[in-house]
């Protein structure tokens, strides 16, 4: 949902990656898809919007599928229940907010956790192994975002000052639709179904050149079917920002 990865102070727009001119480019050199070599993800959970013509930006269409991964059923029902049980006590002490500092989110609660019980730590270790390069430095705290049934996240690009190349999130409690829209060509867009208990991984072009939003209300539609208005929780692991961006 679900990182979806909403980060504090996330209105900083930067394009670190240039779009590739042809498919002969070795995208593995860009460190943008460490999970692709382990598990390719299920592209049936990604739908190119009709505004993006099939004969337009064909190379970019291929690249975005390397940089946006949906891994369905990454956690079991039991693992989902255990993760939610650990964060619920803290979340219940908080109110849903409707006045985010930059108006990017409506109806949310959020917190961070540095320590987890053994069962949940094992799940998060599996996330990190799947989503990040072996020697990647991760932020020490895991971000927990709780989006109310009537909440949504507006289009934004996460700030490079607060997060590195890769963001990986578990979508819990219910499913959500994430929309990715090219920053310079708004008609170049796609929807991703973040199905309940999936892992989604964003990197490279998806991370830097496309804004992402979590749709709400009447806009939360996947292939003609409107998703139920339910609470959604994302548990998000993030890479350390690069040294040149930490100032």
C-alpha atoms as a PDB file:
ATOM      1  CA  UNK A   1       0.000   0.000   0.000  1.00  0.00           C
ATOM      2  CA  UNK A   2       0.548   0.381   1.112  1.00  0.00           C
ATOM      3  CA  UNK A   3       5.166   2.525   0.460  1.00  0.00           C
ATOM      4  CA  UNK A   4       3.250   2.216  -0.211  1.00  0.00           C
ATOM      5  CA  UNK A   5       5.918   3.980   1.009  1.00  0.00           C
ATOM      6  CA  UNK A   6       5.050   7.253   2.231  1.00  0.00           C
ATOM      7  CA  UNK A   7       7.975   8.951   3.897  1.00  0.00           C
ATOM      8  CA  UNK A   8       8.085  12.098   5.903  1.00  0.00           C
ATOM      9  CA  UNK A   9       9.279  15.069   3.886  1.00  0.00           C
ATOM     10  CA  UNK A  10       8.732  13.295   0.592  1.00  0.00           C
ATOM     11  CA  UNK A  11       8.075  16.163  -1.827  1.00  0.00           C
ATOM     12  CA  UNK A  12      11.664  16.338  -2.980  1.00  0.00           C
ATOM     13  CA  UNK A  13      11.749  15.507  -6.671  1.00  0.00           C
ATOM     14  CA  UNK A  14      14.939  14.188  -8.172  1.00  0.00           C
ATOM     15  CA  UNK A  15      15.777  12.058 -11.164  1.00  0.00           C
ATOM     16  CA  UNK A  16      18.883  10.057 -10.451  1.00  0.00           C
ATOM     17  CA  UNK A  17      18.461   7.542 -13.215  1.00  0.00           C
ATOM     18  CA  UNK A  18      18.390   8.456 -16.893  1.00  0.00           C
ATOM     19  CA  UNK A  19      15.993   6.511 -19.052  1.00  0.00           C
ATOM     20  CA  UNK A  20      17.727   3.924 -21.141  1.00  0.00           C
ATOM     21  CA  UNK A  21      17.851   4.476 -24.899  1.00  0.00           C
ATOM     22  CA  UNK A  22      17.572   0.829 -25.867  1.00  0.00           C
ATOM     23  CA  UNK A  23      17.079  -2.578 -24.369  1.00  0.00           C
ATOM     24  CA  UNK A  24      20.715  -3.550 -24.856  1.00  0.00           C
ATOM     25  CA  UNK A  25      21.597  -1.585 -21.716  1.00  0.00           C
ATOM     26  CA  UNK A  26      22.576  -3.875 -18.847  1.00  0.00           C
ATOM     27  CA  UNK A  27      20.140  -2.702 -16.206  1.00  0.00           C
ATOM     28  CA  UNK A  28      21.757  -4.954 -13.627  1.00  0.00           C
ATOM     29  CA  UNK A  29      24.632  -2.461 -13.452  1.00  0.00           C
ATOM     30  CA  UNK A  30      22.327   0.178 -12.004  1.00  0.00           C
ATOM     31  CA  UNK A  31      21.662  -1.810  -8.804  1.00  0.00           C
ATOM     32  CA  UNK A  32      17.976  -1.124  -9.237  1.00  0.00           C
ATOM     33  CA  UNK A  33      16.516  -4.597  -9.204  1.00  0.00           C
ATOM     34  CA  UNK A  34      18.309  -6.905  -6.758  1.00  0.00           C
ATOM     35  CA  UNK A  35      15.160  -8.996  -6.343  1.00  0.00           C
ATOM     36  CA  UNK A  36      14.702  -9.580 -10.060  1.00  0.00           C
ATOM     37  CA  UNK A  37      17.428 -12.185 -10.188  1.00  0.00           C
ATOM     38  CA  UNK A  38      15.897 -14.026  -7.211  1.00  0.00           C
ATOM     39  CA  UNK A  39      12.213 -13.779  -8.074  1.00  0.00           C
ATOM     40  CA  UNK A  40      10.773 -11.870 -10.979  1.00  0.00           C
ATOM     41  CA  UNK A  41       7.450 -10.976  -9.389  1.00  0.00           C
ATOM     42  CA  UNK A  42       4.033 -11.338 -10.978  1.00  0.00           C
ATOM     43  CA  UNK A  43       3.409  -8.819 -13.764  1.00  0.00           C
ATOM     44  CA  UNK A  44      -0.292  -9.725 -13.831  1.00  0.00           C
ATOM     45  CA  UNK A  45      -0.605  -7.420 -10.816  1.00  0.00           C
ATOM     46  CA  UNK A  46       0.551  -4.469 -12.933  1.00  0.00           C
ATOM     47  CA  UNK A  47      -1.658  -2.849 -15.571  1.00  0.00           C
ATOM     48  CA  UNK A  48      -0.542  -0.160 -18.006  1.00  0.00           C
ATOM     49  CA  UNK A  49      -3.226   2.533 -18.229  1.00  0.00           C
ATOM     50  CA  UNK A  50      -4.941   3.152 -21.617  1.00  0.00           C
ATOM     51  CA  UNK A  51      -3.414   6.653 -21.795  1.00  0.00           C
ATOM     52  CA  UNK A  52      -0.001   5.024 -22.307  1.00  0.00           C
ATOM     53  CA  UNK A  53      -0.174   3.910 -25.939  1.00  0.00           C
ATOM     54  CA  UNK A  54       1.374   0.499 -26.720  1.00  0.00           C
ATOM     55  CA  UNK A  55       3.757   2.026 -29.296  1.00  0.00           C
ATOM     56  CA  UNK A  56       4.939   4.822 -26.978  1.00  0.00           C
ATOM     57  CA  UNK A  57       8.002   4.532 -24.728  1.00  0.00           C
ATOM     58  CA  UNK A  58       8.251   0.797 -25.335  1.00  0.00           C
ATOM     59  CA  UNK A  59      11.665   0.591 -23.685  1.00  0.00           C
ATOM     60  CA  UNK A  60      10.415   2.396 -20.599  1.00  0.00           C
ATOM     61  CA  UNK A  61       7.494  -0.015 -20.408  1.00  0.00           C
ATOM     62  CA  UNK A  62       9.962  -2.890 -20.203  1.00  0.00           C
ATOM     63  CA  UNK A  63      12.202  -1.123 -17.693  1.00  0.00           C
ATOM     64  CA  UNK A  64       9.404  -0.222 -15.280  1.00  0.00           C
ATOM     65  CA  UNK A  65       8.504  -3.909 -15.025  1.00  0.00           C
ATOM     66  CA  UNK A  66      12.074  -4.537 -13.855  1.00  0.00           C
ATOM     67  CA  UNK A  67      11.827  -1.804 -11.235  1.00  0.00           C
ATOM     68  CA  UNK A  68       8.349  -2.418  -9.809  1.00  0.00           C
ATOM     69  CA  UNK A  69       7.775  -5.898  -8.409  1.00  0.00           C
ATOM     70  CA  UNK A  70       4.695  -7.443  -6.816  1.00  0.00           C
ATOM     71  CA  UNK A  71       5.249 -10.753  -5.011  1.00  0.00           C
ATOM     72  CA  UNK A  72       1.818 -12.101  -4.006  1.00  0.00           C
ATOM     73  CA  UNK A  73       1.277 -14.135  -0.842  1.00  0.00           C
ATOM     74  CA  UNK A  74       4.716 -13.292   0.473  1.00  0.00           C
ATOM     75  CA  UNK A  75       3.507 -13.757   4.054  1.00  0.00           C
ATOM     76  CA  UNK A  76       1.004 -16.256   5.372  1.00  0.00           C
ATOM     77  CA  UNK A  77      -2.172 -15.399   7.248  1.00  0.00           C
ATOM     78  CA  UNK A  78      -0.444 -16.392  10.480  1.00  0.00           C
ATOM     79  CA  UNK A  79       2.548 -14.172   9.760  1.00  0.00           C
ATOM     80  CA  UNK A  80       0.269 -11.266   8.875  1.00  0.00           C
ATOM     81  CA  UNK A  81      -1.622 -11.681  12.159  1.00  0.00           C
ATOM     82  CA  UNK A  82       1.631 -11.771  14.132  1.00  0.00           C
ATOM     83  CA  UNK A  83       2.973  -8.607  12.499  1.00  0.00           C
ATOM     84  CA  UNK A  84      -0.273  -6.722  13.096  1.00  0.00           C
ATOM     85  CA  UNK A  85      -0.468  -7.942  16.691  1.00  0.00           C
ATOM     86  CA  UNK A  86       2.939  -6.467  17.432  1.00  0.00           C
ATOM     87  CA  UNK A  87       2.194  -2.997  16.027  1.00  0.00           C
ATOM     88  CA  UNK A  88      -1.439  -2.693  17.156  1.00  0.00           C
ATOM     89  CA  UNK A  89      -0.780  -1.653  20.788  1.00  0.00           C
ATOM     90  CA  UNK A  90       1.216   1.372  19.697  1.00  0.00           C
ATOM     91  CA  UNK A  91      -1.086   2.312  16.814  1.00  0.00           C
ATOM     92  CA  UNK A  92      -4.171   2.190  19.032  1.00  0.00           C
ATOM     93  CA  UNK A  93      -2.708   4.966  21.147  1.00  0.00           C
ATOM     94  CA  UNK A  94      -2.667   7.251  18.112  1.00  0.00           C
ATOM     95  CA  UNK A  95      -5.402   9.080  16.225  1.00  0.00           C
ATOM     96  CA  UNK A  96      -5.822   8.998  12.471  1.00  0.00           C
ATOM     97  CA  UNK A  97      -4.454  12.272  11.096  1.00  0.00           C
ATOM     98  CA  UNK A  98      -5.967  14.314   8.283  1.00  0.00           C
ATOM     99  CA  UNK A  99      -3.537  17.228   8.198  1.00  0.00           C
ATOM    100  CA  UNK A 100      -0.250  15.776   6.981  1.00  0.00           C
ATOM    101  CA  UNK A 101       2.530  18.359   6.988  1.00  0.00           C
ATOM    102  CA  UNK A 102       2.660  18.580   3.175  1.00  0.00           C
ATOM    103  CA  UNK A 103      -0.914  17.459   2.464  1.00  0.00           C
ATOM    104  CA  UNK A 104       0.341  14.200   0.965  1.00  0.00           C
ATOM    105  CA  UNK A 105      -1.727  11.778   3.081  1.00  0.00           C
ATOM    106  CA  UNK A 106      -5.238  11.829   4.445  1.00  0.00           C
ATOM    107  CA  UNK A 107      -6.355   9.493   7.203  1.00  0.00           C
ATOM    108  CA  UNK A 108      -3.197   7.887   8.524  1.00  0.00           C
ATOM    109  CA  UNK A 109      -1.269   6.796  11.577  1.00  0.00           C
ATOM    110  CA  UNK A 110       2.423   6.012  11.434  1.00  0.00           C
ATOM    111  CA  UNK A 111       5.268   4.895  13.611  1.00  0.00           C
ATOM    112  CA  UNK A 112       8.676   3.224  13.390  1.00  0.00           C
ATOM    113  CA  UNK A 113      10.080   0.141  15.069  1.00  0.00           C
ATOM    114  CA  UNK A 114      13.667  -0.848  15.618  1.00  0.00           C
ATOM    115  CA  UNK A 115      13.055  -4.139  17.418  1.00  0.00           C
ATOM    116  CA  UNK A 116      10.651  -6.982  16.656  1.00  0.00           C
ATOM    117  CA  UNK A 117       9.907 -10.293  18.283  1.00  0.00           C
ATOM    118  CA  UNK A 118      11.734 -13.320  16.929  1.00  0.00           C
ATOM    119  CA  UNK A 119       8.899 -14.506  14.705  1.00  0.00           C
ATOM    120  CA  UNK A 120       8.416 -11.140  13.033  1.00  0.00           C
ATOM    121  CA  UNK A 121      12.147 -10.493  12.789  1.00  0.00           C
ATOM    122  CA  UNK A 122      12.412 -13.676  10.740  1.00  0.00           C
ATOM    123  CA  UNK A 123       9.747 -12.382   8.330  1.00  0.00           C
ATOM    124  CA  UNK A 124      11.488  -9.026   7.968  1.00  0.00           C
ATOM    125  CA  UNK A 125      14.794 -10.781   7.362  1.00  0.00           C
ATOM    126  CA  UNK A 126      13.114 -12.611   4.495  1.00  0.00           C
ATOM    127  CA  UNK A 127      11.915  -9.283   3.102  1.00  0.00           C
ATOM    128  CA  UNK A 128      15.397  -7.819   3.279  1.00  0.00           C
ATOM    129  CA  UNK A 129      16.976 -10.858   1.671  1.00  0.00           C
ATOM    130  CA  UNK A 130      14.527 -10.728  -1.209  1.00  0.00           C
ATOM    131  CA  UNK A 131      14.412  -6.984  -1.830  1.00  0.00           C
ATOM    132  CA  UNK A 132      17.907  -5.664  -1.217  1.00  0.00           C
ATOM    133  CA  UNK A 133      21.421  -6.315  -2.462  1.00  0.00           C
ATOM    134  CA  UNK A 134      23.499  -8.475  -0.072  1.00  0.00           C
ATOM    135  CA  UNK A 135      25.623  -5.591   1.230  1.00  0.00           C
ATOM    136  CA  UNK A 136      22.964  -2.892   1.134  1.00  0.00           C
ATOM    137  CA  UNK A 137      22.794  -0.628   4.194  1.00  0.00           C
ATOM    138  CA  UNK A 138      19.240  -0.319   5.476  1.00  0.00           C
ATOM    139  CA  UNK A 139      17.661   2.260   7.718  1.00  0.00           C
ATOM    140  CA  UNK A 140      17.609   0.849  11.257  1.00  0.00           C
ATOM    141  CA  UNK A 141      13.918   1.547  11.818  1.00  0.00           C
ATOM    142  CA  UNK A 142      11.095  -0.111   9.920  1.00  0.00           C
ATOM    143  CA  UNK A 143       8.307   2.286   8.909  1.00  0.00           C
ATOM    144  CA  UNK A 144       4.736   1.320   9.815  1.00  0.00           C
ATOM    145  CA  UNK A 145       1.946   3.166   8.002  1.00  0.00           C
ATOM    146  CA  UNK A 146      -1.687   2.594   8.937  1.00  0.00           C
ATOM    147  CA  UNK A 147      -4.140   4.041   6.408  1.00  0.00           C
ATOM    148  CA  UNK A 148      -7.766   4.414   7.510  1.00  0.00           C
ATOM    149  CA  UNK A 149     -10.606   2.911   5.471  1.00  0.00           C
ATOM    150  CA  UNK A 150     -11.354   6.354   4.037  1.00  0.00           C
ATOM    151  CA  UNK A 151      -7.729   7.416   3.716  1.00  0.00           C
ATOM    152  CA  UNK A 152      -5.505   7.755   0.674  1.00  0.00           C
ATOM    153  CA  UNK A 153      -2.042   8.893  -0.366  1.00  0.00           C
ATOM    154  CA  UNK A 154      -1.590  11.585  -2.986  1.00  0.00           C
ATOM    155  CA  UNK A 155       1.024  11.378  -5.777  1.00  0.00           C
ATOM    156  CA  UNK A 156       4.546  12.009  -4.503  1.00  0.00           C
ATOM    157  CA  UNK A 157       8.184  11.099  -5.086  1.00  0.00           C
ATOM    158  CA  UNK A 158      10.047  10.005  -1.973  1.00  0.00           C
ATOM    159  CA  UNK A 159      12.951  12.224  -0.988  1.00  0.00           C
ATOM    160  CA  UNK A 160      16.432  10.922  -1.741  1.00  0.00           C
ATOM    161  CA  UNK A 161      17.611  12.613   1.466  1.00  0.00           C
ATOM    162  CA  UNK A 162      15.607  10.201   3.601  1.00  0.00           C
ATOM    163  CA  UNK A 163      15.687   6.950   1.651  1.00  0.00           C
ATOM    164  CA  UNK A 164      18.024   5.159  -0.736  1.00  0.00           C
ATOM    165  CA  UNK A 165      17.336   3.357  -3.982  1.00  0.00           C
ATOM    166  CA  UNK A 166      15.034   0.554  -2.873  1.00  0.00           C
ATOM    167  CA  UNK A 167      11.803   0.522  -0.872  1.00  0.00           C
ATOM    168  CA  UNK A 168      10.101  -2.749   0.070  1.00  0.00           C
ATOM    169  CA  UNK A 169       6.696  -2.941   1.725  1.00  0.00           C
ATOM    170  CA  UNK A 170       4.375  -5.608   3.053  1.00  0.00           C
ATOM    171  CA  UNK A 171       0.709  -4.847   2.358  1.00  0.00           C
ATOM    172  CA  UNK A 172      -1.393  -6.062   5.286  1.00  0.00           C
ATOM    173  CA  UNK A 173      -5.022  -5.987   6.477  1.00  0.00           C
ATOM    174  CA  UNK A 174      -6.477  -5.351   2.988  1.00  0.00           C
ATOM    175  CA  UNK A 175      -5.529  -4.782  -0.636  1.00  0.00           C
ATOM    176  CA  UNK A 176      -4.841  -1.438  -2.302  1.00  0.00           C
ATOM    177  CA  UNK A 177      -4.222   0.059  -5.736  1.00  0.00           C
ATOM    178  CA  UNK A 178      -1.021   2.020  -6.243  1.00  0.00           C
ATOM    179  CA  UNK A 179      -0.768   4.332  -9.262  1.00  0.00           C
ATOM    180  CA  UNK A 180       2.609   5.229 -10.732  1.00  0.00           C
ATOM    181  CA  UNK A 181       2.702   8.320 -12.967  1.00  0.00           C
ATOM    182  CA  UNK A 182       5.693   9.583 -14.914  1.00  0.00           C
ATOM    183  CA  UNK A 183       6.797  12.938 -13.554  1.00  0.00           C
ATOM    184  CA  UNK A 184       7.332  14.559 -16.956  1.00  0.00           C
ATOM    185  CA  UNK A 185       4.710  12.676 -18.976  1.00  0.00           C
ATOM    186  CA  UNK A 186       1.581  12.282 -16.817  1.00  0.00           C
ATOM    187  CA  UNK A 187      -0.195  10.143 -19.392  1.00  0.00           C
ATOM    188  CA  UNK A 188       2.540   7.520 -18.987  1.00  0.00           C
ATOM    189  CA  UNK A 189       1.079   5.700 -16.012  1.00  0.00           C
ATOM    190  CA  UNK A 190       0.263   2.284 -14.592  1.00  0.00           C
ATOM    191  CA  UNK A 191      -1.660   0.740 -11.739  1.00  0.00           C
ATOM    192  CA  UNK A 192      -0.344  -1.951  -9.420  1.00  0.00           C
ATOM    193  CA  UNK A 193      -2.575  -4.138  -7.296  1.00  0.00           C
ATOM    194  CA  UNK A 194      -1.005  -4.432  -3.859  1.00  0.00           C
ATOM    195  CA  UNK A 195      -2.851  -7.534  -2.845  1.00  0.00           C
ATOM    196  CA  UNK A 196      -3.211  -8.323   0.832  1.00  0.00           C
ATOM    197  CA  UNK A 197      -0.104 -10.098   2.181  1.00  0.00           C
ATOM    198  CA  UNK A 198       1.999  -9.248  -0.872  1.00  0.00           C
ATOM    199  CA  UNK A 199       5.481  -7.762  -0.913  1.00  0.00           C
ATOM    200  CA  UNK A 200       6.038  -4.841  -3.277  1.00  0.00           C
ATOM    201  CA  UNK A 201       9.491  -3.597  -4.236  1.00  0.00           C
ATOM    202  CA  UNK A 202      10.167  -0.212  -5.848  1.00  0.00           C
ATOM    203  CA  UNK A 203      13.561   0.829  -7.183  1.00  0.00           C
ATOM    204  CA  UNK A 204      15.270   2.696  -9.993  1.00  0.00           C
ATOM    205  CA  UNK A 205      12.887   4.326 -12.460  1.00  0.00           C
ATOM    206  CA  UNK A 206       9.858   3.448 -10.323  1.00  0.00           C
ATOM    207  CA  UNK A 207      11.539   5.096  -7.368  1.00  0.00           C
ATOM    208  CA  UNK A 208      12.867   8.268  -9.012  1.00  0.00           C
ATOM    209  CA  UNK A 209      11.032   9.046 -12.259  1.00  0.00           C
ATOM    210  CA  UNK A 210       7.475   8.084 -11.357  1.00  0.00           C
ATOM    211  CA  UNK A 211       5.342   9.499  -8.574  1.00  0.00           C
ATOM    212  CA  UNK A 212       3.279   6.963  -6.667  1.00  0.00           C
ATOM    213  CA  UNK A 213      -0.081   7.252  -4.948  1.00  0.00           C
ATOM    214  CA  UNK A 214      -2.409   4.927  -3.071  1.00  0.00           C
ATOM    215  CA  UNK A 215      -5.898   5.413  -4.464  1.00  0.00           C
ATOM    216  CA  UNK A 216      -8.909   5.830  -2.230  1.00  0.00           C
ATOM    217  CA  UNK A 217     -12.681   6.008  -2.444  1.00  0.00           C
ATOM    218  CA  UNK A 218     -14.215   5.777  -5.899  1.00  0.00           C
ATOM    219  CA  UNK A 219     -10.743   5.771  -7.495  1.00  0.00           C
ATOM    220  CA  UNK A 220      -9.687   2.552  -5.779  1.00  0.00           C
ATOM    221  CA  UNK A 221     -10.584   0.329  -8.728  1.00  0.00           C
ATOM    222  CA  UNK A 222      -8.768  -2.648 -10.164  1.00  0.00           C
ATOM    223  CA  UNK A 223      -9.822  -3.813 -13.629  1.00  0.00           C
ATOM    224  CA  UNK A 224     -13.334  -2.508 -13.212  1.00  0.00           C
ATOM    225  CA  UNK A 225     -13.916  -3.728  -9.663  1.00  0.00           C
ATOM    226  CA  UNK A 226     -13.905  -1.286  -6.783  1.00  0.00           C
ATOM    227  CA  UNK A 227     -11.922  -2.379  -3.764  1.00  0.00           C
ATOM    228  CA  UNK A 228     -13.737  -2.389  -0.404  1.00  0.00           C
ATOM    229  CA  UNK A 229     -13.111   0.620   1.821  1.00  0.00           C
ATOM    230  CA  UNK A 230     -11.001  -1.010   4.509  1.00  0.00           C
ATOM    231  CA  UNK A 231      -8.060  -0.140   6.681  1.00  0.00           C
ATOM    232  CA  UNK A 232      -4.643  -0.891   5.176  1.00  0.00           C
ATOM    233  CA  UNK A 233      -1.303  -1.316   6.889  1.00  0.00           C
ATOM    234  CA  UNK A 234       2.125  -1.183   5.267  1.00  0.00           C
ATOM    235  CA  UNK A 235       5.330  -2.354   6.921  1.00  0.00           C
ATOM    236  CA  UNK A 236       8.166  -0.818   4.961  1.00  0.00           C
ATOM    237  CA  UNK A 237      11.919  -1.462   4.865  1.00  0.00           C
ATOM    238  CA  UNK A 238      14.094   1.220   3.276  1.00  0.00           C
ATOM    239  CA  UNK A 239      17.650   1.556   2.092  1.00  0.00           C
ATOM    240  CA  UNK A 240      19.979   4.118   3.617  1.00  0.00           C
ATOM    241  CA  UNK A 241      20.196   7.349   1.567  1.00  0.00           C
ATOM    242  CA  UNK A 242      23.401   7.721  -0.350  1.00  0.00           C
ATOM    243  CA  UNK A 243      26.130   9.711   1.354  1.00  0.00           C
ATOM    244  CA  UNK A 244      25.868  12.644  -1.041  1.00  0.00           C
ATOM    245  CA  UNK A 245      22.177  13.038  -0.204  1.00  0.00           C
ATOM    246  CA  UNK A 246      22.435  12.958   3.605  1.00  0.00           C
ATOM    247  CA  UNK A 247      23.223  16.626   4.025  1.00  0.00           C
END
